[in-house]
């Protein structure tokens, strides 16, 4: 916002971008990525700009915490 002074913290940050894949979740990540990509393609094809609806069924299918 205009007139608000910015504060910067000079710190070194490191993140292993492959942490999900190296943690044993590769198959779950692959499954959910594919499902999300197909949903995205369908929404684009249908010109669907809505936020979509939350679905318990989809949540359960894509769950990583219920293995």
PDB file of N, CA and C in Angstrom:
ATOM      1  N   UNK A   1       0.846  -1.180   0.000  1.00  0.00           N
ATOM      2  CA  UNK A   1       0.000   0.000   0.000  1.00  0.00           C
ATOM      3  C   UNK A   1       0.883   1.231   0.000  1.00  0.00           C
ATOM      4  N   UNK A   2       0.410   2.266  -0.586  1.00  0.00           N
ATOM      5  CA  UNK A   2       1.174   3.503  -0.678  1.00  0.00           C
ATOM      6  C   UNK A   2       1.405   4.086   0.705  1.00  0.00           C
ATOM      7  N   UNK A   3       2.615   4.535   0.952  1.00  0.00           N
ATOM      8  CA  UNK A   3       2.941   5.174   2.219  1.00  0.00           C
ATOM      9  C   UNK A   3       3.296   4.218   3.342  1.00  0.00           C
ATOM     10  N   UNK A   4       3.206   2.935   3.109  1.00  0.00           N
ATOM     11  CA  UNK A   4       3.545   1.955   4.141  1.00  0.00           C
ATOM     12  C   UNK A   4       4.996   1.535   3.926  1.00  0.00           C
ATOM     13  N   UNK A   5       5.848   1.758   4.935  1.00  0.00           N
ATOM     14  CA  UNK A   5       7.256   1.394   4.755  1.00  0.00           C
ATOM     15  C   UNK A   5       7.435  -0.124   4.681  1.00  0.00           C
ATOM     16  N   UNK A   6       8.308  -0.550   3.799  1.00  0.00           N
ATOM     17  CA  UNK A   6       8.583  -1.980   3.643  1.00  0.00           C
ATOM     18  C   UNK A   6       9.724  -2.382   4.558  1.00  0.00           C
ATOM     19  N   UNK A   7       9.621  -3.544   5.150  1.00  0.00           N
ATOM     20  CA  UNK A   7      10.682  -4.097   5.994  1.00  0.00           C
ATOM     21  C   UNK A   7      11.210  -5.342   5.293  1.00  0.00           C
ATOM     22  N   UNK A   8      12.491  -5.470   5.226  1.00  0.00           N
ATOM     23  CA  UNK A   8      13.112  -6.622   4.586  1.00  0.00           C
ATOM     24  C   UNK A   8      13.983  -7.356   5.585  1.00  0.00           C
ATOM     25  N   UNK A   9      13.899  -8.655   5.569  1.00  0.00           N
ATOM     26  CA  UNK A   9      14.764  -9.489   6.388  1.00  0.00           C
ATOM     27  C   UNK A   9      15.741 -10.168   5.439  1.00  0.00           C
ATOM     28  N   UNK A  10      17.008  -9.896   5.634  1.00  0.00           N
ATOM     29  CA  UNK A  10      18.026 -10.497   4.781  1.00  0.00           C
ATOM     30  C   UNK A  10      18.427 -11.828   5.407  1.00  0.00           C
ATOM     31  N   UNK A  11      17.877 -12.890   4.879  1.00  0.00           N
ATOM     32  CA  UNK A  11      18.134 -14.223   5.412  1.00  0.00           C
ATOM     33  C   UNK A  11      18.284 -15.199   4.252  1.00  0.00           C
ATOM     34  N   UNK A  12      19.094 -16.189   4.474  1.00  0.00           N
ATOM     35  CA  UNK A  12      19.271 -17.231   3.472  1.00  0.00           C
ATOM     36  C   UNK A  12      18.204 -18.295   3.678  1.00  0.00           C
ATOM     37  N   UNK A  13      17.478 -18.589   2.623  1.00  0.00           N
ATOM     38  CA  UNK A  13      16.428 -19.600   2.688  1.00  0.00           C
ATOM     39  C   UNK A  13      16.806 -20.732   1.749  1.00  0.00           C
ATOM     40  N   UNK A  14      16.526 -21.945   2.193  1.00  0.00           N
ATOM     41  CA  UNK A  14      16.759 -23.099   1.338  1.00  0.00           C
ATOM     42  C   UNK A  14      15.531 -23.994   1.388  1.00  0.00           C
ATOM     43  N   UNK A  15      15.168 -24.526   0.231  1.00  0.00           N
ATOM     44  CA  UNK A  15      14.036 -25.447   0.164  1.00  0.00           C
ATOM     45  C   UNK A  15      14.345 -26.512  -0.873  1.00  0.00           C
ATOM     46  N   UNK A  16      14.186 -27.747  -0.482  1.00  0.00           N
ATOM     47  CA  UNK A  16      14.383 -28.860  -1.406  1.00  0.00           C
ATOM     48  C   UNK A  16      13.084 -29.057  -2.177  1.00  0.00           C
ATOM     49  N   UNK A  17      13.060 -28.621  -3.433  1.00  0.00           N
ATOM     50  CA  UNK A  17      11.830 -28.701  -4.224  1.00  0.00           C
ATOM     51  C   UNK A  17      11.357 -30.123  -4.461  1.00  0.00           C
ATOM     52  N   UNK A  18      12.229 -31.091  -4.285  1.00  0.00           N
ATOM     53  CA  UNK A  18      11.830 -32.475  -4.497  1.00  0.00           C
ATOM     54  C   UNK A  18      11.477 -33.164  -3.183  1.00  0.00           C
ATOM     55  N   UNK A  19      11.248 -32.383  -2.124  1.00  0.00           N
ATOM     56  CA  UNK A  19      10.986 -32.984  -0.815  1.00  0.00           C
ATOM     57  C   UNK A  19       9.748 -33.876  -0.825  1.00  0.00           C
ATOM     58  N   UNK A  20       8.723 -33.508  -1.563  1.00  0.00           N
ATOM     59  CA  UNK A  20       7.526 -34.356  -1.643  1.00  0.00           C
ATOM     60  C   UNK A  20       7.846 -35.669  -2.337  1.00  0.00           C
ATOM     61  N   UNK A  21       8.562 -35.575  -3.435  1.00  0.00           N
ATOM     62  CA  UNK A  21       8.864 -36.778  -4.208  1.00  0.00           C
ATOM     63  C   UNK A  21       9.845 -37.691  -3.481  1.00  0.00           C
ATOM     64  N   UNK A  22      10.728 -37.112  -2.681  1.00  0.00           N
ATOM     65  CA  UNK A  22      11.716 -37.919  -1.968  1.00  0.00           C
ATOM     66  C   UNK A  22      11.195 -38.459  -0.644  1.00  0.00           C
ATOM     67  N   UNK A  23       9.979 -38.136  -0.282  1.00  0.00           N
ATOM     68  CA  UNK A  23       9.458 -38.546   1.021  1.00  0.00           C
ATOM     69  C   UNK A  23       8.532 -39.756   0.933  1.00  0.00           C
ATOM     70  N   UNK A  24       8.480 -40.415  -0.211  1.00  0.00           N
ATOM     71  CA  UNK A  24       7.640 -41.594  -0.344  1.00  0.00           C
ATOM     72  C   UNK A  24       6.228 -41.292  -0.809  1.00  0.00           C
ATOM     73  N   UNK A  25       5.962 -40.052  -1.192  1.00  0.00           N
ATOM     74  CA  UNK A  25       4.622 -39.662  -1.632  1.00  0.00           C
ATOM     75  C   UNK A  25       4.543 -39.523  -3.151  1.00  0.00           C
ATOM     76  N   UNK A  26       5.487 -40.109  -3.860  1.00  0.00           N
ATOM     77  CA  UNK A  26       5.532 -39.941  -5.314  1.00  0.00           C
ATOM     78  C   UNK A  26       4.245 -40.406  -5.980  1.00  0.00           C
ATOM     79  N   UNK A  27       3.743 -41.571  -5.597  1.00  0.00           N
ATOM     80  CA  UNK A  27       2.538 -42.091  -6.267  1.00  0.00           C
ATOM     81  C   UNK A  27       1.311 -41.241  -5.954  1.00  0.00           C
ATOM     82  N   UNK A  28       1.189 -40.765  -4.699  1.00  0.00           N
ATOM     83  CA  UNK A  28       0.054 -39.907  -4.355  1.00  0.00           C
ATOM     84  C   UNK A  28       0.152 -38.573  -5.099  1.00  0.00           C
ATOM     85  N   UNK A  29       1.364 -38.015  -5.169  1.00  0.00           N
ATOM     86  CA  UNK A  29       1.557 -36.759  -5.879  1.00  0.00           C
ATOM     87  C   UNK A  29       1.217 -36.928  -7.356  1.00  0.00           C
ATOM     88  N   UNK A  30       1.642 -38.028  -7.944  1.00  0.00           N
ATOM     89  CA  UNK A  30       1.360 -38.292  -9.353  1.00  0.00           C
ATOM     90  C   UNK A  30      -0.142 -38.390  -9.599  1.00  0.00           C
ATOM     91  N   UNK A  31      -0.842 -39.088  -8.712  1.00  0.00           N
ATOM     92  CA  UNK A  31      -2.287 -39.277  -8.862  1.00  0.00           C
ATOM     93  C   UNK A  31      -3.038 -37.947  -8.739  1.00  0.00           C
ATOM     94  N   UNK A  32      -2.722 -37.162  -7.712  1.00  0.00           N
ATOM     95  CA  UNK A  32      -3.451 -35.908  -7.515  1.00  0.00           C
ATOM     96  C   UNK A  32      -3.078 -34.875  -8.576  1.00  0.00           C
ATOM     97  N   UNK A  33      -1.812 -34.858  -8.998  1.00  0.00           N
ATOM     98  CA  UNK A  33      -1.411 -33.934 -10.054  1.00  0.00           C
ATOM     99  C   UNK A  33      -2.180 -34.230 -11.333  1.00  0.00           C
ATOM    100  N   UNK A  34      -2.259 -35.515 -11.704  1.00  0.00           N
ATOM    101  CA  UNK A  34      -2.982 -35.918 -12.918  1.00  0.00           C
ATOM    102  C   UNK A  34      -4.464 -35.536 -12.816  1.00  0.00           C
ATOM    103  N   UNK A  35      -5.083 -35.794 -11.657  1.00  0.00           N
ATOM    104  CA  UNK A  35      -6.503 -35.464 -11.473  1.00  0.00           C
ATOM    105  C   UNK A  35      -6.724 -33.958 -11.565  1.00  0.00           C
ATOM    106  N   UNK A  36      -5.848 -33.172 -10.952  1.00  0.00           N
ATOM    107  CA  UNK A  36      -5.983 -31.716 -11.007  1.00  0.00           C
ATOM    108  C   UNK A  36      -5.772 -31.189 -12.421  1.00  0.00           C
ATOM    109  N   UNK A  37      -4.832 -31.789 -13.151  1.00  0.00           N
ATOM    110  CA  UNK A  37      -4.584 -31.362 -14.524  1.00  0.00           C
ATOM    111  C   UNK A  37      -5.793 -31.656 -15.418  1.00  0.00           C
ATOM    112  N   UNK A  38      -6.381 -32.830 -15.253  1.00  0.00           N
ATOM    113  CA  UNK A  38      -7.574 -33.171 -16.037  1.00  0.00           C
ATOM    114  C   UNK A  38      -8.734 -32.239 -15.707  1.00  0.00           C
ATOM    115  N   UNK A  39      -8.894 -31.898 -14.431  1.00  0.00           N
ATOM    116  CA  UNK A  39      -9.937 -30.954 -14.028  1.00  0.00           C
ATOM    117  C   UNK A  39      -9.689 -29.589 -14.669  1.00  0.00           C
ATOM    118  N   UNK A  40      -8.440 -29.136 -14.627  1.00  0.00           N
ATOM    119  CA  UNK A  40      -8.088 -27.857 -15.242  1.00  0.00           C
ATOM    120  C   UNK A  40      -8.410 -27.861 -16.735  1.00  0.00           C
ATOM    121  N   UNK A  41      -8.007 -28.923 -17.440  1.00  0.00           N
ATOM    122  CA  UNK A  41      -8.279 -29.008 -18.879  1.00  0.00           C
ATOM    123  C   UNK A  41      -9.778 -28.996 -19.169  1.00  0.00           C
ATOM    124  N   UNK A  42     -10.560 -29.702 -18.350  1.00  0.00           N
ATOM    125  CA  UNK A  42     -12.013 -29.725 -18.548  1.00  0.00           C
ATOM    126  C   UNK A  42     -12.600 -28.337 -18.336  1.00  0.00           C
ATOM    127  N   UNK A  43     -12.153 -27.644 -17.274  1.00  0.00           N
ATOM    128  CA  UNK A  43     -12.682 -26.311 -16.990  1.00  0.00           C
ATOM    129  C   UNK A  43     -12.329 -25.331 -18.110  1.00  0.00           C
ATOM    130  N   UNK A  44     -11.127 -25.439 -18.651  1.00  0.00           N
ATOM    131  CA  UNK A  44     -10.730 -24.575 -19.763  1.00  0.00           C
ATOM    132  C   UNK A  44     -11.589 -24.875 -20.988  1.00  0.00           C
ATOM    133  N   UNK A  45     -11.766 -26.153 -21.311  1.00  0.00           N
ATOM    134  CA  UNK A  45     -12.551 -26.545 -22.488  1.00  0.00           C
ATOM    135  C   UNK A  45     -13.992 -26.071 -22.384  1.00  0.00           C
ATOM    136  N   UNK A  46     -14.527 -26.079 -21.167  1.00  0.00           N
ATOM    137  CA  UNK A  46     -15.918 -25.673 -20.952  1.00  0.00           C
ATOM    138  C   UNK A  46     -16.044 -24.188 -20.619  1.00  0.00           C
ATOM    139  N   UNK A  47     -14.917 -23.465 -20.646  1.00  0.00           N
ATOM    140  CA  UNK A  47     -14.893 -22.051 -20.270  1.00  0.00           C
ATOM    141  C   UNK A  47     -15.528 -21.842 -18.894  1.00  0.00           C
ATOM    142  N   UNK A  48     -15.254 -22.757 -17.995  1.00  0.00           N
ATOM    143  CA  UNK A  48     -15.799 -22.721 -16.633  1.00  0.00           C
ATOM    144  C   UNK A  48     -14.862 -21.905 -15.755  1.00  0.00           C
ATOM    145  N   UNK A  49     -15.262 -20.680 -15.435  1.00  0.00           N
ATOM    146  CA  UNK A  49     -14.442 -19.790 -14.625  1.00  0.00           C
ATOM    147  C   UNK A  49     -14.858 -19.798 -13.158  1.00  0.00           C
ATOM    148  N   UNK A  50     -15.718 -20.731 -12.785  1.00  0.00           N
ATOM    149  CA  UNK A  50     -16.177 -20.796 -11.397  1.00  0.00           C
ATOM    150  C   UNK A  50     -15.077 -21.345 -10.498  1.00  0.00           C
ATOM    151  N   UNK A  51     -15.252 -21.140  -9.203  1.00  0.00           N
ATOM    152  CA  UNK A  51     -14.280 -21.677  -8.251  1.00  0.00           C
ATOM    153  C   UNK A  51     -14.474 -23.167  -8.047  1.00  0.00           C
ATOM    154  N   UNK A  52     -15.581 -23.698  -8.508  1.00  0.00           N
ATOM    155  CA  UNK A  52     -15.862 -25.120  -8.320  1.00  0.00           C
ATOM    156  C   UNK A  52     -16.442 -25.373  -6.942  1.00  0.00           C
ATOM    157  N   UNK A  53     -16.859 -26.579  -6.720  1.00  0.00           N
ATOM    158  CA  UNK A  53     -17.437 -26.946  -5.429  1.00  0.00           C
ATOM    159  C   UNK A  53     -16.560 -27.984  -4.757  1.00  0.00           C
ATOM    160  N   UNK A  54     -16.468 -27.895  -3.443  1.00  0.00           N
ATOM    161  CA  UNK A  54     -15.721 -28.872  -2.657  1.00  0.00           C
ATOM    162  C   UNK A  54     -16.502 -30.176  -2.664  1.00  0.00           C
ATOM    163  N   UNK A  55     -15.789 -31.293  -2.766  1.00  0.00           N
ATOM    164  CA  UNK A  55     -16.432 -32.595  -2.835  1.00  0.00           C
ATOM    165  C   UNK A  55     -15.775 -33.553  -1.852  1.00  0.00           C
ATOM    166  N   UNK A  56     -16.571 -34.130  -0.963  1.00  0.00           N
ATOM    167  CA  UNK A  56     -16.046 -35.117  -0.024  1.00  0.00           C
ATOM    168  C   UNK A  56     -15.524 -36.335  -0.774  1.00  0.00           C
ATOM    169  N   UNK A  57     -16.217 -36.733  -1.830  1.00  0.00           N
ATOM    170  CA  UNK A  57     -15.779 -37.895  -2.609  1.00  0.00           C
ATOM    171  C   UNK A  57     -14.395 -37.664  -3.212  1.00  0.00           C
ATOM    172  N   UNK A  58     -14.208 -36.497  -3.842  1.00  0.00           N
ATOM    173  CA  UNK A  58     -12.907 -36.180  -4.432  1.00  0.00           C
ATOM    174  C   UNK A  58     -11.855 -36.035  -3.342  1.00  0.00           C
ATOM    175  N   UNK A  59     -12.216 -35.433  -2.216  1.00  0.00           N
ATOM    176  CA  UNK A  59     -11.280 -35.292  -1.093  1.00  0.00           C
ATOM    177  C   UNK A  59     -10.799 -36.657  -0.622  1.00  0.00           C
ATOM    178  N   UNK A  60     -11.699 -37.609  -0.531  1.00  0.00           N
ATOM    179  CA  UNK A  60     -11.316 -38.951  -0.079  1.00  0.00           C
ATOM    180  C   UNK A  60     -10.455 -39.666  -1.119  1.00  0.00           C
ATOM    181  N   UNK A  61     -10.791 -39.518  -2.388  1.00  0.00           N
ATOM    182  CA  UNK A  61     -10.010 -40.155  -3.452  1.00  0.00           C
ATOM    183  C   UNK A  61      -8.586 -39.595  -3.479  1.00  0.00           C
ATOM    184  N   UNK A  62      -8.449 -38.293  -3.272  1.00  0.00           N
ATOM    185  CA  UNK A  62      -7.146 -37.637  -3.352  1.00  0.00           C
ATOM    186  C   UNK A  62      -6.423 -37.537  -2.014  1.00  0.00           C
ATOM    187  N   UNK A  63      -6.959 -38.134  -0.978  1.00  0.00           N
ATOM    188  CA  UNK A  63      -6.376 -37.997   0.361  1.00  0.00           C
ATOM    189  C   UNK A  63      -4.976 -38.583   0.436  1.00  0.00           C
ATOM    190  N   UNK A  64      -4.101 -37.854   1.098  1.00  0.00           N
ATOM    191  CA  UNK A  64      -2.761 -38.350   1.394  1.00  0.00           C
ATOM    192  C   UNK A  64      -2.684 -38.792   2.846  1.00  0.00           C
ATOM    193  N   UNK A  65      -3.636 -38.368   3.645  1.00  0.00           N
ATOM    194  CA  UNK A  65      -3.589 -38.645   5.085  1.00  0.00           C
ATOM    195  C   UNK A  65      -4.331 -39.923   5.462  1.00  0.00           C
ATOM    196  N   UNK A  66      -4.982 -40.562   4.501  1.00  0.00           N
ATOM    197  CA  UNK A  66      -5.726 -41.799   4.760  1.00  0.00           C
ATOM    198  C   UNK A  66      -5.110 -42.884   3.879  1.00  0.00           C
ATOM    199  N   UNK A  67      -3.914 -43.287   4.221  1.00  0.00           N
ATOM    200  CA  UNK A  67      -3.194 -44.237   3.364  1.00  0.00           C
ATOM    201  C   UNK A  67      -3.301 -45.637   3.881  1.00  0.00           C
TER     202      UNK A  67
END
